[in-house]
């Protein structure tokens, strides 16, 4: 049985998604963030590094499919911060 280098797969996936997001940012002029689905697969690879001897054919298929296709990077919308909303008034008593 061969050992799979899950850490290398995770690194490859993150680089693949980040490179595509940077390419889309350069093409559109609008900041893009890496595809969350690819980043989830990379996180699964991180978890699989703790059991490298255990076969995981499903994850191997996901990795090969993700590396073979172009990720779906999405426009970066900024941080979601509830405290910055204009209607937030902490001093207002509740009815």
Protein backbone atom coordinates (compact mmCIF):
# COMPACT_ATOMS: atom_id res chain seq x y z
CA UNK A 1 0.00 0.00 0.00
CA UNK A 2 1.34 3.41 -0.90
CA UNK A 3 1.14 6.36 1.41
CA UNK A 4 -0.60 9.44 0.08
CA UNK A 5 1.03 12.77 0.83
CA UNK A 6 -2.09 14.60 1.96
CA UNK A 7 -0.16 17.68 3.05
CA UNK A 8 1.19 18.05 -0.49
CA UNK A 9 -2.31 17.66 -1.91
CA UNK A 10 -3.63 20.33 0.46
CA UNK A 11 -0.83 22.71 -0.53
CA UNK A 12 -1.45 22.06 -4.24
CA UNK A 13 -5.17 22.69 -3.90
CA UNK A 14 -4.67 25.95 -2.01
CA UNK A 15 -2.13 27.16 -4.56
CA UNK A 16 -4.44 26.15 -7.43
CA UNK A 17 -7.42 28.02 -5.95
CA UNK A 18 -5.36 31.08 -4.98
CA UNK A 19 -3.75 31.32 -8.41
CA UNK A 20 -7.15 31.19 -10.08
CA UNK A 21 -8.54 33.87 -7.75
CA UNK A 22 -5.54 36.10 -8.52
CA UNK A 23 -6.03 35.50 -12.26
CA UNK A 24 -9.70 36.46 -12.03
CA UNK A 25 -8.80 39.55 -10.01
CA UNK A 26 -6.33 40.58 -12.71
CA UNK A 27 -8.90 39.90 -15.46
CA UNK A 28 -11.81 41.76 -13.89
CA UNK A 29 -10.12 44.32 -11.68
CA UNK A 30 -12.35 43.18 -8.82
CA UNK A 31 -10.90 41.24 -5.87
CA UNK A 32 -11.82 37.54 -5.86
CA UNK A 33 -11.42 34.97 -3.11
CA UNK A 34 -10.51 31.30 -3.65
CA UNK A 35 -13.25 28.75 -4.32
CA UNK A 36 -14.65 27.63 -0.94
CA UNK A 37 -15.30 24.09 -2.24
CA UNK A 38 -11.62 23.64 -3.13
CA UNK A 39 -10.60 25.06 0.23
CA UNK A 40 -12.90 22.55 1.98
CA UNK A 41 -11.23 19.69 0.10
CA UNK A 42 -7.84 21.07 1.17
CA UNK A 43 -9.05 21.09 4.78
CA UNK A 44 -10.11 17.46 4.43
CA UNK A 45 -6.61 16.70 3.17
CA UNK A 46 -5.20 18.42 6.25
CA UNK A 47 -7.30 16.14 8.45
CA UNK A 48 -6.23 13.08 6.44
CA UNK A 49 -2.55 13.81 7.19
CA UNK A 50 -3.12 12.39 10.68
CA UNK A 51 -3.86 8.93 9.19
CA UNK A 52 -1.68 8.71 6.06
CA UNK A 53 -1.83 4.88 5.97
CA UNK A 54 -5.62 4.81 5.87
CA UNK A 55 -6.91 4.65 2.28
CA UNK A 56 -9.35 7.37 1.30
CA UNK A 57 -10.31 6.84 -2.36
CA UNK A 58 -13.20 9.30 -2.21
CA UNK A 59 -10.92 12.13 -1.12
CA UNK A 60 -8.34 11.13 -3.74
CA UNK A 61 -11.05 11.44 -6.43
CA UNK A 62 -12.09 14.85 -5.09
CA UNK A 63 -8.48 16.07 -5.15
CA UNK A 64 -7.86 14.90 -8.70
CA UNK A 65 -11.16 16.39 -9.92
CA UNK A 66 -10.49 19.72 -8.19
CA UNK A 67 -7.01 19.98 -9.67
CA UNK A 68 -8.30 19.10 -13.15
CA UNK A 69 -10.93 21.85 -13.28
CA UNK A 70 -10.91 25.61 -12.92
CA UNK A 71 -12.14 26.66 -9.47
CA UNK A 72 -15.19 28.89 -9.18
CA UNK A 73 -13.66 31.92 -7.48
CA UNK A 74 -16.19 34.43 -6.23
CA UNK A 75 -15.95 38.21 -5.85
CA UNK A 76 -14.65 39.26 -2.47
CA UNK A 77 -17.44 41.08 -0.65
CA UNK A 78 -15.47 42.17 2.40
CA UNK A 79 -15.96 41.32 6.02
CA UNK A 80 -19.35 40.82 7.57
CA UNK A 81 -19.33 42.84 10.75
CA UNK A 82 -22.57 43.15 12.69
CA UNK A 83 -21.26 45.90 14.94
CA UNK A 84 -20.82 48.30 12.02
CA UNK A 85 -24.45 48.30 10.95
CA UNK A 86 -26.05 51.78 11.03
CA UNK A 87 -29.05 50.64 13.07
CA UNK A 88 -26.98 49.29 15.95
CA UNK A 89 -27.60 51.38 19.08
CA UNK A 90 -26.45 49.59 22.23
CA UNK A 91 -27.69 52.39 24.53
CA UNK A 92 -31.30 52.06 23.39
CA UNK A 93 -33.50 50.31 26.00
CA UNK A 94 -35.53 47.41 24.71
CA UNK A 95 -39.33 47.65 24.91
